[in-house]
Amino acid sequence: MKLDPVTTNPESYKVVFENDRVRVLEYKDKPGHLTTPHEHPNSVMYTLTTFSRRLHANGTTRDVEIVAGTTSWLPAQMHAGENIGQTDTHVIFVELKDDSEPTGSIGPQI
C-alpha cells in the first residue's frame, strides 16, 4: 500500500496484530476529525461504537451511519473519512494480505 493509514494517520490507526495473512488495525477518532487520504486492502470491519462518517473518494462523498456491533466486508479502496457525528468512532479492521488494488469506491458494503 502506498498510502498506509498507519503512516498517513498515525494518531488514529494502530496495528494491534499482524502475521503473514492479516493485519488488524484499531481506529479511533473524535467528532470533527478528518483523515488524510489512505488505502485499505480487502478488509472486514467491526464497529465498536455507533458513528456517522462522510467518506471522500475520487471527487465524490458518501455519508454513512453505522451501528455498534456491525460487521462489514470492505473491498480494497482509497478514501479519506470525516467524523460528522456527535460520537467517537472506534473500529477494528482485519486487513487481508493479498494483491488487490484499491477500487476507489467508498463505503462500507453492508
N, C-alpha and C. Protein backbone atom coordinates (compact mmCIF):
# COMPACT_ATOMS: atom_id res chain seq x y z
N MET A 1 0.85 -1.19 0.00
CA MET A 1 0.00 0.00 0.00
C MET A 1 0.88 1.24 0.00
N LYS A 2 0.58 2.12 -0.91
CA LYS A 2 1.33 3.37 -0.98
C LYS A 2 0.90 4.33 0.12
N LEU A 3 -0.39 4.36 0.43
CA LEU A 3 -0.93 5.27 1.43
C LEU A 3 -1.44 4.48 2.63
N ASP A 4 -0.51 3.88 3.36
CA ASP A 4 -0.83 3.07 4.53
C ASP A 4 -1.43 3.96 5.61
N PRO A 5 -2.65 3.65 6.10
CA PRO A 5 -3.28 4.52 7.09
C PRO A 5 -2.50 4.65 8.39
N VAL A 6 -1.72 3.65 8.74
CA VAL A 6 -0.91 3.73 9.96
C VAL A 6 0.18 4.79 9.80
N THR A 7 0.63 5.00 8.58
CA THR A 7 1.64 6.02 8.29
C THR A 7 1.01 7.38 8.04
N THR A 8 -0.08 7.42 7.25
CA THR A 8 -0.70 8.70 6.90
C THR A 8 -1.50 9.30 8.04
N ASN A 9 -2.04 8.48 8.93
CA ASN A 9 -2.89 8.93 10.03
C ASN A 9 -2.55 8.21 11.33
N PRO A 10 -1.29 8.35 11.80
CA PRO A 10 -0.86 7.57 12.97
C PRO A 10 -1.58 7.93 14.27
N GLU A 11 -2.21 9.09 14.32
CA GLU A 11 -2.95 9.48 15.52
C GLU A 11 -4.26 8.69 15.66
N SER A 12 -4.70 8.07 14.57
CA SER A 12 -5.98 7.36 14.57
C SER A 12 -5.86 5.85 14.40
N TYR A 13 -4.88 5.39 13.63
CA TYR A 13 -4.72 3.97 13.32
C TYR A 13 -3.56 3.36 14.09
N LYS A 14 -3.79 2.16 14.64
CA LYS A 14 -2.74 1.45 15.37
C LYS A 14 -2.80 -0.03 14.98
N VAL A 15 -1.66 -0.63 14.69
CA VAL A 15 -1.59 -2.07 14.42
C VAL A 15 -1.68 -2.79 15.77
N VAL A 16 -2.66 -3.69 15.89
CA VAL A 16 -2.82 -4.45 17.13
C VAL A 16 -2.45 -5.92 16.95
N PHE A 17 -2.32 -6.37 15.69
CA PHE A 17 -1.89 -7.73 15.40
C PHE A 17 -1.48 -7.79 13.94
N GLU A 18 -0.45 -8.61 13.65
CA GLU A 18 -0.06 -8.81 12.26
C GLU A 18 0.66 -10.14 12.12
N ASN A 19 0.36 -10.84 11.02
CA ASN A 19 1.12 -12.02 10.63
C ASN A 19 1.22 -12.03 9.11
N ASP A 20 1.57 -13.15 8.51
CA ASP A 20 1.76 -13.18 7.06
C ASP A 20 0.44 -13.21 6.28
N ARG A 21 -0.71 -13.36 6.94
CA ARG A 21 -2.02 -13.44 6.26
C ARG A 21 -2.91 -12.23 6.49
N VAL A 22 -2.84 -11.61 7.69
CA VAL A 22 -3.70 -10.48 8.03
C VAL A 22 -2.94 -9.42 8.82
N ARG A 23 -3.51 -8.23 8.79
CA ARG A 23 -3.07 -7.17 9.69
C ARG A 23 -4.34 -6.62 10.32
N VAL A 24 -4.35 -6.49 11.65
CA VAL A 24 -5.50 -5.99 12.38
C VAL A 24 -5.19 -4.59 12.87
N LEU A 25 -6.07 -3.64 12.49
CA LEU A 25 -5.91 -2.25 12.89
C LEU A 25 -7.02 -1.83 13.83
N GLU A 26 -6.69 -1.01 14.79
CA GLU A 26 -7.68 -0.33 15.62
C GLU A 26 -7.72 1.11 15.15
N TYR A 27 -8.93 1.65 14.96
CA TYR A 27 -9.11 3.03 14.54
C TYR A 27 -9.96 3.76 15.58
N LYS A 28 -9.52 4.95 15.98
CA LYS A 28 -10.28 5.79 16.92
C LYS A 28 -10.20 7.23 16.45
N ASP A 29 -11.33 7.96 16.58
CA ASP A 29 -11.32 9.40 16.38
C ASP A 29 -12.44 10.05 17.16
N LYS A 30 -12.45 11.37 17.15
CA LYS A 30 -13.45 12.19 17.84
C LYS A 30 -14.29 12.94 16.81
N PRO A 31 -15.47 13.42 17.20
CA PRO A 31 -16.28 14.22 16.28
C PRO A 31 -15.47 15.37 15.68
N GLY A 32 -15.64 15.59 14.37
CA GLY A 32 -14.94 16.65 13.65
C GLY A 32 -13.63 16.23 13.04
N HIS A 33 -13.10 15.07 13.42
CA HIS A 33 -11.81 14.63 12.90
C HIS A 33 -11.92 14.24 11.43
N LEU A 34 -10.90 14.60 10.64
CA LEU A 34 -10.82 14.28 9.21
C LEU A 34 -9.48 13.60 8.95
N THR A 35 -9.51 12.43 8.33
CA THR A 35 -8.27 11.75 7.97
C THR A 35 -7.75 12.29 6.64
N THR A 36 -6.48 12.04 6.38
CA THR A 36 -5.92 12.31 5.06
C THR A 36 -6.22 11.09 4.19
N PRO A 37 -6.12 11.22 2.86
CA PRO A 37 -6.36 10.06 2.00
C PRO A 37 -5.46 8.89 2.37
N HIS A 38 -6.02 7.69 2.32
CA HIS A 38 -5.29 6.47 2.64
C HIS A 38 -5.97 5.29 1.95
N GLU A 39 -5.28 4.15 1.94
CA GLU A 39 -5.78 2.95 1.26
C GLU A 39 -6.02 1.83 2.26
N HIS A 40 -6.99 1.00 1.93
CA HIS A 40 -7.23 -0.24 2.67
C HIS A 40 -7.27 -1.38 1.65
N PRO A 41 -6.63 -2.51 1.95
CA PRO A 41 -6.84 -3.69 1.11
C PRO A 41 -8.21 -4.29 1.45
N ASN A 42 -8.58 -5.38 0.80
CA ASN A 42 -9.80 -6.08 1.19
C ASN A 42 -9.77 -6.30 2.69
N SER A 43 -10.90 -5.98 3.36
CA SER A 43 -10.92 -5.99 4.82
C SER A 43 -12.29 -6.39 5.35
N VAL A 44 -12.28 -6.78 6.61
CA VAL A 44 -13.51 -6.92 7.39
C VAL A 44 -13.45 -5.84 8.46
N MET A 45 -14.57 -5.11 8.61
CA MET A 45 -14.64 -4.04 9.61
C MET A 45 -15.65 -4.43 10.67
N TYR A 46 -15.26 -4.28 11.94
CA TYR A 46 -16.16 -4.50 13.06
C TYR A 46 -16.24 -3.19 13.85
N THR A 47 -17.47 -2.66 14.01
CA THR A 47 -17.64 -1.38 14.69
C THR A 47 -17.92 -1.58 16.16
N LEU A 48 -17.18 -0.87 16.98
CA LEU A 48 -17.33 -0.95 18.43
C LEU A 48 -18.24 0.15 18.96
N THR A 49 -18.41 1.23 18.20
CA THR A 49 -19.30 2.33 18.57
C THR A 49 -20.20 2.66 17.39
N THR A 50 -21.34 3.28 17.66
CA THR A 50 -22.20 3.81 16.61
C THR A 50 -21.64 5.17 16.20
N PHE A 51 -21.54 5.42 14.89
CA PHE A 51 -20.95 6.68 14.42
C PHE A 51 -21.50 7.08 13.07
N SER A 52 -21.29 8.36 12.73
CA SER A 52 -21.64 8.91 11.41
C SER A 52 -20.37 9.43 10.77
N ARG A 53 -20.18 9.08 9.47
CA ARG A 53 -18.97 9.50 8.76
C ARG A 53 -19.32 9.99 7.37
N ARG A 54 -18.48 10.87 6.88
CA ARG A 54 -18.52 11.28 5.48
C ARG A 54 -17.25 10.73 4.84
N LEU A 55 -17.43 9.91 3.81
CA LEU A 55 -16.31 9.30 3.10
C LEU A 55 -16.08 10.07 1.80
N HIS A 56 -14.82 10.38 1.52
CA HIS A 56 -14.43 11.15 0.34
C HIS A 56 -13.53 10.29 -0.54
N ALA A 57 -13.88 10.14 -1.83
CA ALA A 57 -13.05 9.39 -2.78
C ALA A 57 -13.37 9.83 -4.19
N ASN A 58 -12.33 10.04 -4.98
CA ASN A 58 -12.49 10.36 -6.41
C ASN A 58 -13.45 11.52 -6.66
N GLY A 59 -13.41 12.54 -5.81
CA GLY A 59 -14.25 13.71 -6.01
C GLY A 59 -15.70 13.51 -5.60
N THR A 60 -16.03 12.39 -4.99
CA THR A 60 -17.39 12.15 -4.52
C THR A 60 -17.40 11.98 -3.01
N THR A 61 -18.56 12.14 -2.41
CA THR A 61 -18.71 11.91 -0.97
C THR A 61 -19.92 11.01 -0.75
N ARG A 62 -19.87 10.33 0.38
CA ARG A 62 -20.99 9.50 0.79
C ARG A 62 -21.06 9.51 2.30
N ASP A 63 -22.24 9.79 2.84
CA ASP A 63 -22.45 9.78 4.29
C ASP A 63 -22.98 8.42 4.71
N VAL A 64 -22.42 7.91 5.82
CA VAL A 64 -22.86 6.62 6.35
C VAL A 64 -23.05 6.74 7.86
N GLU A 65 -24.00 6.00 8.37
CA GLU A 65 -24.16 5.84 9.81
C GLU A 65 -24.11 4.35 10.08
N ILE A 66 -23.23 3.98 10.99
CA ILE A 66 -23.02 2.56 11.26
C ILE A 66 -23.24 2.31 12.76
N VAL A 67 -23.99 1.28 13.05
CA VAL A 67 -24.38 0.94 14.41
C VAL A 67 -23.31 0.04 15.05
N ALA A 68 -23.06 0.25 16.32
CA ALA A 68 -22.12 -0.58 17.08
C ALA A 68 -22.49 -2.05 16.91
N GLY A 69 -21.48 -2.89 16.73
CA GLY A 69 -21.68 -4.32 16.57
C GLY A 69 -21.84 -4.76 15.13
N THR A 70 -21.82 -3.82 14.18
CA THR A 70 -21.94 -4.16 12.77
C THR A 70 -20.62 -4.73 12.26
N THR A 71 -20.71 -5.82 11.50
CA THR A 71 -19.55 -6.40 10.84
C THR A 71 -19.79 -6.30 9.34
N SER A 72 -18.80 -5.75 8.60
CA SER A 72 -18.97 -5.49 7.17
C SER A 72 -17.75 -5.92 6.38
N TRP A 73 -17.97 -6.34 5.14
CA TRP A 73 -16.91 -6.57 4.17
C TRP A 73 -16.61 -5.25 3.47
N LEU A 74 -15.32 -4.90 3.36
CA LEU A 74 -14.90 -3.71 2.63
C LEU A 74 -13.98 -4.13 1.50
N PRO A 75 -14.35 -3.87 0.25
CA PRO A 75 -13.42 -4.13 -0.84
C PRO A 75 -12.26 -3.15 -0.76
N ALA A 76 -11.14 -3.51 -1.36
CA ALA A 76 -9.97 -2.63 -1.38
C ALA A 76 -10.40 -1.25 -1.87
N GLN A 77 -9.91 -0.20 -1.21
CA GLN A 77 -10.33 1.15 -1.55
C GLN A 77 -9.35 2.20 -1.06
N MET A 78 -9.46 3.38 -1.65
CA MET A 78 -8.72 4.56 -1.19
C MET A 78 -9.76 5.63 -0.88
N HIS A 79 -9.63 6.30 0.28
CA HIS A 79 -10.57 7.34 0.66
C HIS A 79 -9.98 8.19 1.78
N ALA A 80 -10.70 9.23 2.14
CA ALA A 80 -10.48 9.99 3.38
C ALA A 80 -11.81 9.93 4.11
N GLY A 81 -11.78 10.01 5.43
CA GLY A 81 -13.00 9.92 6.21
C GLY A 81 -13.10 11.06 7.21
N GLU A 82 -14.34 11.46 7.47
CA GLU A 82 -14.60 12.59 8.37
C GLU A 82 -15.69 12.18 9.35
N ASN A 83 -15.43 12.36 10.64
CA ASN A 83 -16.43 12.08 11.67
C ASN A 83 -17.40 13.25 11.71
N ILE A 84 -18.61 13.06 11.17
CA ILE A 84 -19.60 14.13 11.10
C ILE A 84 -20.68 13.99 12.18
N GLY A 85 -20.48 13.05 13.09
CA GLY A 85 -21.48 12.80 14.13
C GLY A 85 -21.13 13.45 15.45
N GLN A 86 -21.82 13.00 16.47
CA GLN A 86 -21.64 13.52 17.83
C GLN A 86 -20.92 12.52 18.73
N THR A 87 -20.51 11.36 18.17
CA THR A 87 -19.88 10.31 18.97
C THR A 87 -18.50 9.96 18.41
N ASP A 88 -17.67 9.42 19.28
CA ASP A 88 -16.36 8.93 18.86
C ASP A 88 -16.55 7.74 17.92
N THR A 89 -15.59 7.55 17.02
CA THR A 89 -15.54 6.37 16.17
C THR A 89 -14.53 5.41 16.77
N HIS A 90 -14.91 4.14 16.88
CA HIS A 90 -13.98 3.09 17.34
C HIS A 90 -14.27 1.85 16.51
N VAL A 91 -13.29 1.43 15.73
CA VAL A 91 -13.47 0.37 14.74
C VAL A 91 -12.26 -0.56 14.75
N ILE A 92 -12.48 -1.83 14.44
CA ILE A 92 -11.41 -2.79 14.20
C ILE A 92 -11.47 -3.20 12.73
N PHE A 93 -10.34 -3.12 12.04
CA PHE A 93 -10.22 -3.59 10.66
C PHE A 93 -9.34 -4.83 10.62
N VAL A 94 -9.80 -5.87 9.95
CA VAL A 94 -8.97 -7.05 9.69
C VAL A 94 -8.63 -6.98 8.20
N GLU A 95 -7.42 -6.54 7.90
CA GLU A 95 -6.98 -6.37 6.52
C GLU A 95 -6.37 -7.68 6.01
N LEU A 96 -6.85 -8.11 4.84
CA LEU A 96 -6.31 -9.32 4.23
C LEU A 96 -5.08 -8.96 3.42
N LYS A 97 -4.06 -9.77 3.54
CA LYS A 97 -2.84 -9.54 2.78
C LYS A 97 -2.95 -10.30 1.47
N ASP A 98 -3.31 -9.58 0.42
CA ASP A 98 -3.40 -10.15 -0.91
C ASP A 98 -2.99 -9.07 -1.90
N ASP A 99 -3.17 -9.31 -3.17
CA ASP A 99 -2.71 -8.40 -4.20
C ASP A 99 -3.79 -7.48 -4.74
N SER A 100 -4.91 -7.30 -4.04
CA SER A 100 -5.99 -6.46 -4.53
C SER A 100 -5.55 -5.00 -4.59
N GLU A 101 -5.96 -4.33 -5.64
CA GLU A 101 -5.72 -2.90 -5.78
C GLU A 101 -6.96 -2.15 -5.33
N PRO A 102 -6.79 -0.98 -4.72
CA PRO A 102 -7.96 -0.18 -4.33
C PRO A 102 -8.82 0.15 -5.54
N THR A 103 -10.14 0.07 -5.36
CA THR A 103 -11.06 0.33 -6.47
C THR A 103 -11.44 1.79 -6.58
N GLY A 104 -11.24 2.55 -5.51
CA GLY A 104 -11.68 3.93 -5.50
C GLY A 104 -13.12 4.07 -5.03
N SER A 105 -13.85 2.95 -4.90
CA SER A 105 -15.21 3.05 -4.39
C SER A 105 -15.14 3.34 -2.89
N ILE A 106 -16.17 3.98 -2.39
CA ILE A 106 -16.16 4.33 -0.97
C ILE A 106 -17.27 3.61 -0.25
N GLY A 107 -17.01 3.38 0.98
CA GLY A 107 -18.11 2.93 1.78
C GLY A 107 -17.79 1.74 2.60
N PRO A 108 -18.60 1.41 3.49
CA PRO A 108 -18.68 0.02 3.83
C PRO A 108 -19.74 -0.60 2.94
N GLN A 109 -19.53 -1.82 2.65
CA GLN A 109 -20.50 -2.57 1.86
C GLN A 109 -21.30 -3.39 2.85
N ILE A 110 -22.41 -2.87 3.28
CA ILE A 110 -23.23 -3.51 4.32
C ILE A 110 -24.34 -4.29 3.67
